[in-house]
N, C-alpha and C. Protein backbone atom coordinates (compact mmCIF):
# COMPACT_ATOMS: atom_id res chain seq x y z
N MET A 1 8.54 -60.68 44.17
CA MET A 1 7.68 -61.51 45.01
C MET A 1 7.98 -62.97 44.71
N THR A 2 8.53 -63.68 45.69
CA THR A 2 8.87 -65.08 45.43
C THR A 2 8.41 -66.03 46.52
N GLU A 3 8.13 -65.53 47.70
CA GLU A 3 7.75 -66.43 48.79
C GLU A 3 6.74 -65.74 49.71
N ALA A 4 6.20 -66.50 50.64
CA ALA A 4 5.22 -65.93 51.56
C ALA A 4 5.82 -65.54 52.89
N ARG A 5 7.00 -66.05 53.21
CA ARG A 5 7.63 -65.76 54.51
C ARG A 5 8.83 -64.85 54.30
N TYR A 6 8.87 -63.82 55.12
CA TYR A 6 9.92 -62.82 55.02
C TYR A 6 10.50 -62.57 56.40
N ARG A 7 11.81 -62.35 56.45
CA ARG A 7 12.48 -62.09 57.72
C ARG A 7 12.87 -60.63 57.84
N ASP A 8 12.88 -60.17 59.09
CA ASP A 8 13.35 -58.81 59.33
C ASP A 8 14.86 -58.77 59.10
N GLU A 9 15.41 -57.56 59.07
CA GLU A 9 16.82 -57.40 58.74
C GLU A 9 17.77 -58.03 59.76
N ASN A 10 17.29 -58.26 60.99
CA ASN A 10 18.12 -58.91 62.01
C ASN A 10 17.91 -60.42 62.07
N ASN A 11 17.04 -60.94 61.22
CA ASN A 11 16.71 -62.36 61.21
C ASN A 11 16.21 -62.86 62.56
N LYS A 12 15.44 -62.00 63.23
CA LYS A 12 14.89 -62.36 64.54
C LYS A 12 13.38 -62.61 64.47
N TYR A 13 12.72 -62.07 63.45
CA TYR A 13 11.28 -62.25 63.27
C TYR A 13 11.01 -62.69 61.85
N GLU A 14 9.98 -63.53 61.72
CA GLU A 14 9.54 -63.95 60.40
C GLU A 14 8.08 -63.54 60.22
N PHE A 15 7.80 -62.94 59.09
CA PHE A 15 6.46 -62.47 58.76
C PHE A 15 5.88 -63.37 57.68
N ASP A 16 4.64 -63.76 57.86
CA ASP A 16 3.95 -64.60 56.88
C ASP A 16 2.94 -63.73 56.13
N PHE A 17 3.25 -63.44 54.88
CA PHE A 17 2.37 -62.63 54.04
C PHE A 17 1.76 -63.48 52.93
N ALA A 18 1.28 -64.66 53.31
CA ALA A 18 0.68 -65.58 52.34
C ALA A 18 -0.47 -64.89 51.61
N HIS A 19 -0.63 -65.23 50.36
CA HIS A 19 -1.72 -64.74 49.51
C HIS A 19 -1.62 -63.25 49.19
N CYS A 20 -0.43 -62.69 49.33
CA CYS A 20 -0.23 -61.27 49.01
C CYS A 20 1.01 -61.13 48.13
N GLU A 21 1.02 -60.05 47.41
CA GLU A 21 2.22 -59.70 46.68
C GLU A 21 3.05 -58.81 47.60
N VAL A 22 4.31 -59.15 47.77
CA VAL A 22 5.19 -58.41 48.68
C VAL A 22 6.38 -57.90 47.91
N TRP A 23 6.67 -56.63 48.15
CA TRP A 23 7.79 -55.98 47.48
C TRP A 23 8.82 -55.56 48.53
N GLU A 24 10.08 -55.80 48.21
CA GLU A 24 11.19 -55.32 49.02
C GLU A 24 12.07 -54.48 48.09
N TYR A 25 12.16 -53.19 48.36
CA TYR A 25 12.83 -52.27 47.45
C TYR A 25 14.26 -51.94 47.85
N HIS A 26 14.79 -52.63 48.84
CA HIS A 26 16.12 -52.32 49.33
C HIS A 26 17.19 -52.33 48.23
N PRO A 27 17.24 -53.35 47.36
CA PRO A 27 18.28 -53.33 46.31
C PRO A 27 18.16 -52.11 45.39
N LEU A 28 16.93 -51.69 45.08
CA LEU A 28 16.76 -50.50 44.23
C LEU A 28 17.14 -49.23 44.98
N ALA A 29 16.73 -49.12 46.23
CA ALA A 29 17.03 -47.92 47.01
C ALA A 29 18.54 -47.76 47.19
N GLN A 30 19.27 -48.86 47.28
CA GLN A 30 20.72 -48.81 47.47
C GLN A 30 21.46 -48.30 46.24
N LYS A 31 20.79 -48.26 45.10
CA LYS A 31 21.43 -47.80 43.87
C LYS A 31 21.51 -46.27 43.81
N THR A 32 20.93 -45.60 44.80
CA THR A 32 21.00 -44.14 44.85
C THR A 32 21.50 -43.72 46.23
N THR A 33 21.83 -42.47 46.35
CA THR A 33 22.23 -41.95 47.67
C THR A 33 21.08 -41.23 48.36
N SER A 34 19.94 -41.11 47.68
CA SER A 34 18.86 -40.31 48.27
C SER A 34 17.62 -41.11 48.66
N LEU A 35 17.51 -42.37 48.25
CA LEU A 35 16.32 -43.15 48.58
C LEU A 35 16.55 -44.00 49.82
N SER A 36 15.48 -44.17 50.57
CA SER A 36 15.51 -44.97 51.80
C SER A 36 14.17 -45.70 51.87
N ASP A 37 14.19 -47.02 51.90
CA ASP A 37 12.96 -47.78 51.75
C ASP A 37 12.45 -48.37 53.05
N VAL A 38 11.14 -48.66 53.07
CA VAL A 38 10.54 -49.40 54.19
C VAL A 38 10.93 -50.87 54.03
N ASP A 39 10.68 -51.66 55.06
CA ASP A 39 11.07 -53.08 55.00
C ASP A 39 10.24 -53.87 53.99
N PHE A 40 8.92 -53.67 54.00
CA PHE A 40 8.04 -54.43 53.11
C PHE A 40 6.92 -53.54 52.60
N VAL A 41 6.53 -53.78 51.35
CA VAL A 41 5.30 -53.20 50.81
C VAL A 41 4.43 -54.39 50.47
N ILE A 42 3.26 -54.46 51.10
CA ILE A 42 2.38 -55.61 50.98
C ILE A 42 1.12 -55.21 50.24
N ASP A 43 0.92 -55.81 49.08
CA ASP A 43 -0.31 -55.57 48.32
C ASP A 43 -1.32 -56.62 48.76
N SER A 44 -2.22 -56.22 49.66
CA SER A 44 -3.26 -57.14 50.11
C SER A 44 -4.50 -56.92 49.25
N GLU A 45 -5.54 -57.62 49.58
CA GLU A 45 -6.77 -57.54 48.80
C GLU A 45 -7.42 -56.16 48.85
N ASN A 46 -7.38 -55.51 50.04
CA ASN A 46 -8.12 -54.25 50.23
C ASN A 46 -7.26 -53.01 50.33
N GLU A 47 -5.94 -53.18 50.56
CA GLU A 47 -5.08 -52.02 50.78
C GLU A 47 -3.63 -52.39 50.49
N VAL A 48 -2.82 -51.36 50.39
CA VAL A 48 -1.38 -51.54 50.24
C VAL A 48 -0.76 -51.07 51.55
N ILE A 49 0.02 -51.96 52.18
CA ILE A 49 0.61 -51.67 53.48
C ILE A 49 2.11 -51.45 53.31
N PHE A 50 2.56 -50.28 53.72
CA PHE A 50 3.99 -49.97 53.78
C PHE A 50 4.40 -50.24 55.23
N LEU A 51 5.26 -51.23 55.42
CA LEU A 51 5.61 -51.68 56.78
C LEU A 51 7.08 -51.42 57.07
N GLU A 52 7.31 -50.61 58.10
CA GLU A 52 8.66 -50.38 58.61
C GLU A 52 8.72 -51.01 60.00
N TYR A 53 9.70 -51.90 60.21
CA TYR A 53 9.80 -52.66 61.46
C TYR A 53 11.06 -52.28 62.20
N LYS A 54 10.91 -51.85 63.45
CA LYS A 54 12.03 -51.52 64.32
C LYS A 54 11.88 -52.32 65.60
N ASN A 55 12.95 -53.04 65.98
CA ASN A 55 12.86 -53.87 67.17
C ASN A 55 14.11 -53.71 68.02
N ALA A 56 13.93 -53.09 69.19
CA ALA A 56 15.02 -52.97 70.15
C ALA A 56 14.79 -53.88 71.35
N SER A 57 13.89 -54.85 71.19
CA SER A 57 13.60 -55.80 72.27
C SER A 57 14.30 -57.14 72.07
N ILE A 58 15.07 -57.26 71.03
CA ILE A 58 15.70 -58.54 70.72
C ILE A 58 17.02 -58.70 71.48
N ASP A 59 17.43 -59.93 71.67
CA ASP A 59 18.71 -60.21 72.30
C ASP A 59 19.84 -59.63 71.44
N GLY A 60 20.82 -59.09 72.11
CA GLY A 60 21.99 -58.59 71.39
C GLY A 60 21.90 -57.14 70.95
N VAL A 61 20.81 -56.46 71.26
CA VAL A 61 20.74 -55.04 70.92
C VAL A 61 21.79 -54.32 71.77
N ALA A 62 22.64 -53.58 71.09
CA ALA A 62 23.78 -52.97 71.77
C ALA A 62 23.37 -51.96 72.84
N ASN A 63 22.43 -51.09 72.52
CA ASN A 63 22.08 -50.03 73.46
C ASN A 63 20.60 -49.63 73.30
N PRO A 64 19.70 -50.37 73.95
CA PRO A 64 18.27 -50.06 73.81
C PRO A 64 17.92 -48.65 74.30
N SER A 65 18.64 -48.13 75.26
CA SER A 65 18.36 -46.77 75.76
C SER A 65 18.67 -45.73 74.69
N ALA A 66 19.74 -45.95 73.94
CA ALA A 66 20.10 -45.02 72.86
C ALA A 66 19.00 -45.03 71.79
N PHE A 67 18.44 -46.20 71.51
CA PHE A 67 17.35 -46.31 70.55
C PHE A 67 16.15 -45.49 71.03
N LEU A 68 15.83 -45.58 72.30
CA LEU A 68 14.72 -44.82 72.87
C LEU A 68 14.96 -43.32 72.74
N CYS A 69 16.17 -42.88 72.97
CA CYS A 69 16.51 -41.45 72.82
C CYS A 69 16.40 -41.02 71.36
N LYS A 70 16.86 -41.89 70.45
CA LYS A 70 16.80 -41.57 69.02
C LYS A 70 15.37 -41.38 68.54
N LEU A 71 14.42 -42.13 69.14
CA LEU A 71 13.02 -42.03 68.75
C LEU A 71 12.40 -40.66 69.01
N LYS A 72 13.04 -39.89 69.84
CA LYS A 72 12.49 -38.59 70.24
C LYS A 72 13.09 -37.44 69.46
N THR A 73 13.78 -37.73 68.37
CA THR A 73 14.44 -36.67 67.61
C THR A 73 13.73 -36.37 66.29
N GLU A 74 13.85 -35.15 65.87
CA GLU A 74 13.30 -34.72 64.58
C GLU A 74 13.92 -35.53 63.44
N GLU A 75 15.20 -35.86 63.59
CA GLU A 75 15.89 -36.66 62.57
C GLU A 75 15.20 -38.02 62.38
N PHE A 76 14.78 -38.65 63.46
CA PHE A 76 14.08 -39.93 63.36
C PHE A 76 12.75 -39.76 62.62
N TYR A 77 11.99 -38.73 62.98
CA TYR A 77 10.70 -38.49 62.32
C TYR A 77 10.88 -38.28 60.82
N LEU A 78 11.90 -37.51 60.46
CA LEU A 78 12.16 -37.24 59.05
C LEU A 78 12.61 -38.51 58.32
N ARG A 79 13.44 -39.32 58.97
CA ARG A 79 13.91 -40.56 58.33
C ARG A 79 12.76 -41.53 58.09
N ILE A 80 11.85 -41.64 59.06
CA ILE A 80 10.72 -42.55 58.90
C ILE A 80 9.78 -42.04 57.79
N SER A 81 9.59 -40.74 57.69
CA SER A 81 8.75 -40.21 56.62
C SER A 81 9.44 -40.36 55.26
N LYS A 82 10.76 -40.17 55.23
CA LYS A 82 11.50 -40.35 53.98
C LYS A 82 11.38 -41.78 53.47
N LYS A 83 11.38 -42.75 54.38
CA LYS A 83 11.22 -44.15 53.97
C LYS A 83 9.88 -44.35 53.25
N PHE A 84 8.84 -43.67 53.74
CA PHE A 84 7.54 -43.78 53.07
C PHE A 84 7.60 -43.16 51.68
N PHE A 85 8.07 -41.92 51.58
CA PHE A 85 8.09 -41.23 50.29
C PHE A 85 8.93 -41.99 49.27
N SER A 86 10.10 -42.44 49.67
CA SER A 86 10.98 -43.18 48.75
C SER A 86 10.32 -44.49 48.30
N SER A 87 9.71 -45.19 49.23
CA SER A 87 9.07 -46.47 48.90
C SER A 87 7.84 -46.26 48.01
N LEU A 88 7.10 -45.20 48.27
CA LEU A 88 5.95 -44.89 47.41
C LEU A 88 6.43 -44.60 45.99
N PHE A 89 7.47 -43.81 45.87
CA PHE A 89 8.04 -43.52 44.57
C PHE A 89 8.44 -44.81 43.85
N LEU A 90 9.18 -45.68 44.55
CA LEU A 90 9.63 -46.94 43.94
C LEU A 90 8.45 -47.84 43.59
N HIS A 91 7.47 -47.89 44.46
CA HIS A 91 6.30 -48.74 44.21
C HIS A 91 5.55 -48.27 42.96
N TRP A 92 5.34 -46.99 42.85
CA TRP A 92 4.67 -46.46 41.65
C TRP A 92 5.54 -46.64 40.40
N ALA A 93 6.86 -46.46 40.54
CA ALA A 93 7.76 -46.63 39.41
C ALA A 93 7.77 -48.07 38.91
N CYS A 94 7.53 -49.01 39.83
CA CYS A 94 7.47 -50.43 39.46
C CYS A 94 6.03 -50.87 39.14
N ARG A 95 5.18 -49.91 38.96
CA ARG A 95 3.76 -50.12 38.62
C ARG A 95 2.98 -50.85 39.71
N GLY A 96 3.37 -50.62 40.95
CA GLY A 96 2.62 -51.16 42.07
C GLY A 96 1.36 -50.34 42.30
N ASN A 97 0.36 -50.94 42.90
CA ASN A 97 -0.92 -50.32 43.23
C ASN A 97 -1.62 -49.71 42.03
N GLU A 98 -1.64 -50.45 40.95
CA GLU A 98 -2.36 -49.98 39.76
C GLU A 98 -3.87 -49.93 39.98
N LYS A 99 -4.37 -50.64 40.99
CA LYS A 99 -5.80 -50.60 41.31
C LYS A 99 -6.14 -49.39 42.17
N ASP A 100 -5.13 -48.63 42.56
CA ASP A 100 -5.29 -47.44 43.39
C ASP A 100 -6.00 -47.76 44.70
N LEU A 101 -5.54 -48.81 45.37
CA LEU A 101 -6.09 -49.20 46.68
C LEU A 101 -5.65 -48.20 47.75
N PRO A 102 -6.37 -48.13 48.86
CA PRO A 102 -5.93 -47.27 49.96
C PRO A 102 -4.53 -47.67 50.42
N ILE A 103 -3.76 -46.67 50.82
CA ILE A 103 -2.39 -46.89 51.27
C ILE A 103 -2.30 -46.64 52.76
N VAL A 104 -1.71 -47.62 53.47
CA VAL A 104 -1.53 -47.55 54.92
C VAL A 104 -0.03 -47.68 55.20
N TYR A 105 0.48 -46.80 56.03
CA TYR A 105 1.88 -46.87 56.46
C TYR A 105 1.90 -47.25 57.93
N ILE A 106 2.63 -48.32 58.24
CA ILE A 106 2.70 -48.80 59.62
C ILE A 106 4.15 -48.84 60.07
N LEU A 107 4.39 -48.19 61.20
CA LEU A 107 5.66 -48.31 61.90
C LEU A 107 5.42 -49.31 63.02
N LEU A 108 5.96 -50.50 62.84
CA LEU A 108 5.84 -51.57 63.83
C LEU A 108 7.08 -51.51 64.70
N ILE A 109 6.88 -51.18 65.97
CA ILE A 109 8.02 -50.87 66.82
C ILE A 109 7.96 -51.64 68.13
N GLU A 110 9.08 -52.24 68.49
CA GLU A 110 9.18 -53.02 69.71
C GLU A 110 10.33 -52.50 70.57
N HIS A 111 10.02 -52.18 71.79
CA HIS A 111 11.01 -51.74 72.77
C HIS A 111 10.37 -51.91 74.14
N PRO A 112 11.09 -52.41 75.12
CA PRO A 112 10.47 -52.67 76.43
C PRO A 112 9.87 -51.44 77.11
N GLU A 113 10.34 -50.25 76.76
CA GLU A 113 9.85 -49.04 77.43
C GLU A 113 8.86 -48.22 76.57
N ILE A 114 8.54 -48.69 75.39
CA ILE A 114 7.63 -47.94 74.52
C ILE A 114 6.21 -48.43 74.76
N ASP A 115 5.41 -47.57 75.34
CA ASP A 115 4.01 -47.90 75.64
C ASP A 115 3.08 -47.16 74.67
N GLY A 116 1.80 -47.29 74.91
CA GLY A 116 0.80 -46.66 74.05
C GLY A 116 0.94 -45.16 73.98
N LYS A 117 1.31 -44.54 75.08
CA LYS A 117 1.48 -43.09 75.13
C LYS A 117 2.62 -42.64 74.21
N ILE A 118 3.72 -43.36 74.25
CA ILE A 118 4.87 -43.01 73.39
C ILE A 118 4.53 -43.29 71.93
N ARG A 119 3.85 -44.41 71.65
CA ARG A 119 3.46 -44.72 70.27
C ARG A 119 2.53 -43.63 69.72
N LYS A 120 1.62 -43.14 70.55
CA LYS A 120 0.71 -42.07 70.12
C LYS A 120 1.51 -40.80 69.79
N LYS A 121 2.47 -40.47 70.63
CA LYS A 121 3.30 -39.28 70.39
C LYS A 121 4.10 -39.44 69.10
N LEU A 122 4.65 -40.63 68.88
CA LEU A 122 5.39 -40.90 67.64
C LEU A 122 4.47 -40.72 66.43
N ARG A 123 3.26 -41.27 66.52
CA ARG A 123 2.30 -41.15 65.42
C ARG A 123 2.01 -39.68 65.12
N GLU A 124 1.81 -38.89 66.16
CA GLU A 124 1.51 -37.47 65.96
C GLU A 124 2.69 -36.73 65.33
N LYS A 125 3.89 -36.99 65.83
CA LYS A 125 5.09 -36.30 65.32
C LYS A 125 5.39 -36.69 63.87
N ILE A 126 5.34 -37.98 63.58
CA ILE A 126 5.67 -38.44 62.23
C ILE A 126 4.57 -38.06 61.24
N SER A 127 3.32 -38.09 61.67
CA SER A 127 2.20 -37.73 60.79
C SER A 127 2.36 -36.33 60.21
N LYS A 128 2.97 -35.44 60.96
CA LYS A 128 3.19 -34.07 60.48
C LYS A 128 4.12 -34.03 59.28
N GLN A 129 4.94 -35.07 59.11
CA GLN A 129 5.89 -35.14 58.00
C GLN A 129 5.29 -35.84 56.77
N LEU A 130 4.13 -36.45 56.93
CA LEU A 130 3.54 -37.26 55.86
C LEU A 130 2.50 -36.46 55.08
N PRO A 131 2.13 -36.91 53.88
CA PRO A 131 1.33 -36.10 52.95
C PRO A 131 -0.19 -36.12 53.16
N PHE A 132 -0.63 -36.09 54.38
CA PHE A 132 -2.08 -36.11 54.63
C PHE A 132 -2.77 -34.86 54.09
N ASN A 133 -2.11 -33.73 54.08
CA ASN A 133 -2.73 -32.49 53.62
C ASN A 133 -2.93 -32.44 52.10
N LEU A 134 -2.35 -33.38 51.38
CA LEU A 134 -2.53 -33.42 49.93
C LEU A 134 -3.82 -34.14 49.53
N LYS A 135 -4.39 -34.85 50.45
CA LYS A 135 -5.54 -35.72 50.19
C LYS A 135 -6.70 -35.01 49.50
N ASP A 136 -6.98 -33.78 49.88
CA ASP A 136 -8.14 -33.07 49.35
C ASP A 136 -7.80 -32.10 48.22
N GLU A 137 -6.57 -32.11 47.76
CA GLU A 137 -6.17 -31.21 46.68
C GLU A 137 -6.70 -31.72 45.34
N GLN A 138 -7.26 -30.84 44.59
CA GLN A 138 -7.89 -31.20 43.31
C GLN A 138 -6.89 -31.79 42.31
N GLN A 139 -5.64 -31.34 42.35
CA GLN A 139 -4.64 -31.83 41.40
C GLN A 139 -4.22 -33.27 41.67
N ILE A 140 -4.37 -33.73 42.89
CA ILE A 140 -3.94 -35.08 43.26
C ILE A 140 -4.99 -36.08 42.78
N LYS A 141 -4.57 -37.00 41.93
CA LYS A 141 -5.50 -37.95 41.30
C LYS A 141 -5.41 -39.36 41.87
N ARG A 142 -4.38 -39.63 42.67
CA ARG A 142 -4.21 -40.97 43.22
C ARG A 142 -4.19 -40.90 44.74
N SER A 143 -4.50 -42.04 45.34
CA SER A 143 -4.38 -42.15 46.79
C SER A 143 -2.90 -42.11 47.16
N VAL A 144 -2.53 -41.16 48.01
CA VAL A 144 -1.14 -41.02 48.41
C VAL A 144 -0.91 -41.70 49.76
N LEU A 145 -1.77 -41.41 50.73
CA LEU A 145 -1.67 -42.04 52.04
C LEU A 145 -3.01 -41.87 52.75
N ASN A 146 -3.59 -42.98 53.17
CA ASN A 146 -4.88 -42.95 53.84
C ASN A 146 -4.77 -43.02 55.36
N LYS A 147 -3.72 -43.72 55.84
CA LYS A 147 -3.63 -43.92 57.29
C LYS A 147 -2.18 -44.19 57.67
N PHE A 148 -1.78 -43.68 58.84
CA PHE A 148 -0.47 -43.98 59.41
C PHE A 148 -0.69 -44.45 60.83
N GLU A 149 -0.05 -45.57 61.19
CA GLU A 149 -0.18 -46.13 62.53
C GLU A 149 1.19 -46.50 63.08
N VAL A 150 1.31 -46.39 64.40
CA VAL A 150 2.49 -46.89 65.11
C VAL A 150 1.98 -47.97 66.04
N LEU A 151 2.41 -49.21 65.78
CA LEU A 151 1.89 -50.36 66.51
C LEU A 151 3.01 -51.15 67.17
N ASN A 152 2.66 -51.87 68.24
CA ASN A 152 3.58 -52.88 68.77
C ASN A 152 3.15 -54.22 68.16
N ILE A 153 3.85 -55.29 68.47
CA ILE A 153 3.59 -56.58 67.83
C ILE A 153 2.21 -57.13 68.18
N ASP A 154 1.73 -56.90 69.41
CA ASP A 154 0.39 -57.36 69.79
C ASP A 154 -0.69 -56.61 69.00
N GLU A 155 -0.51 -55.31 68.86
CA GLU A 155 -1.48 -54.51 68.08
C GLU A 155 -1.46 -54.92 66.60
N TRP A 156 -0.26 -55.24 66.10
CA TRP A 156 -0.13 -55.72 64.72
C TRP A 156 -0.95 -57.00 64.53
N HIS A 157 -0.79 -57.96 65.45
CA HIS A 157 -1.53 -59.22 65.36
C HIS A 157 -3.03 -58.99 65.46
N GLN A 158 -3.44 -58.04 66.26
CA GLN A 158 -4.87 -57.75 66.40
C GLN A 158 -5.41 -57.08 65.13
N ALA A 159 -4.68 -56.13 64.58
CA ALA A 159 -5.13 -55.40 63.39
C ALA A 159 -5.00 -56.24 62.12
N TYR A 160 -3.97 -57.09 62.06
CA TYR A 160 -3.69 -57.87 60.86
C TYR A 160 -3.47 -59.34 61.23
N PRO A 161 -4.50 -60.02 61.71
CA PRO A 161 -4.33 -61.41 62.15
C PRO A 161 -3.90 -62.36 61.02
N MET A 162 -4.15 -61.97 59.78
CA MET A 162 -3.77 -62.82 58.65
C MET A 162 -2.26 -62.79 58.36
N PHE A 163 -1.57 -61.79 58.93
CA PHE A 163 -0.12 -61.66 58.73
C PHE A 163 0.59 -61.96 60.04
N LYS A 164 0.91 -63.20 60.25
CA LYS A 164 1.59 -63.62 61.47
C LYS A 164 3.04 -63.12 61.49
N ALA A 165 3.48 -62.70 62.64
CA ALA A 165 4.88 -62.35 62.87
C ALA A 165 5.34 -63.17 64.06
N VAL A 166 6.34 -64.02 63.86
CA VAL A 166 6.78 -64.91 64.94
C VAL A 166 8.28 -64.72 65.18
N ALA A 167 8.65 -64.77 66.44
CA ALA A 167 10.05 -64.70 66.81
C ALA A 167 10.73 -65.99 66.41
N LEU A 168 11.96 -65.88 65.94
CA LEU A 168 12.72 -67.07 65.52
C LEU A 168 13.61 -67.55 66.65
């Protein structure tokens, strides 16, 4: 954690996570062949947010239609869930979330043809891959995942007005 402003991997959006601890696990995940990380893990005052950002609405995207097709595959659902599990592992290994705050996973997705209906379907499909069923197990002593959402940029601003995301 060194700054409050973070850029997406395409350098098209900047996120302002002022007053939060932000973790980027990409360098650690790259040291293995099996880990795949989310873009940002944000330790806010009330929760820990695992944020994966996908944007096919930016200039220069080679094939936005192919991206839309990819979103409808089991492989995509598994990859997005793997990013959560790997990032949770890395966050706990780095002693993140020692206060055991609620954990929220957000897939922030931008595409001109992705509407609320498609985001809902994505949420339902990906949720099946996530550990919600572990929540009530007696052996589980820590919060694993409290909520998963699939949002567009407007919904992100509405849900998290303190974390501005601006196009560059």
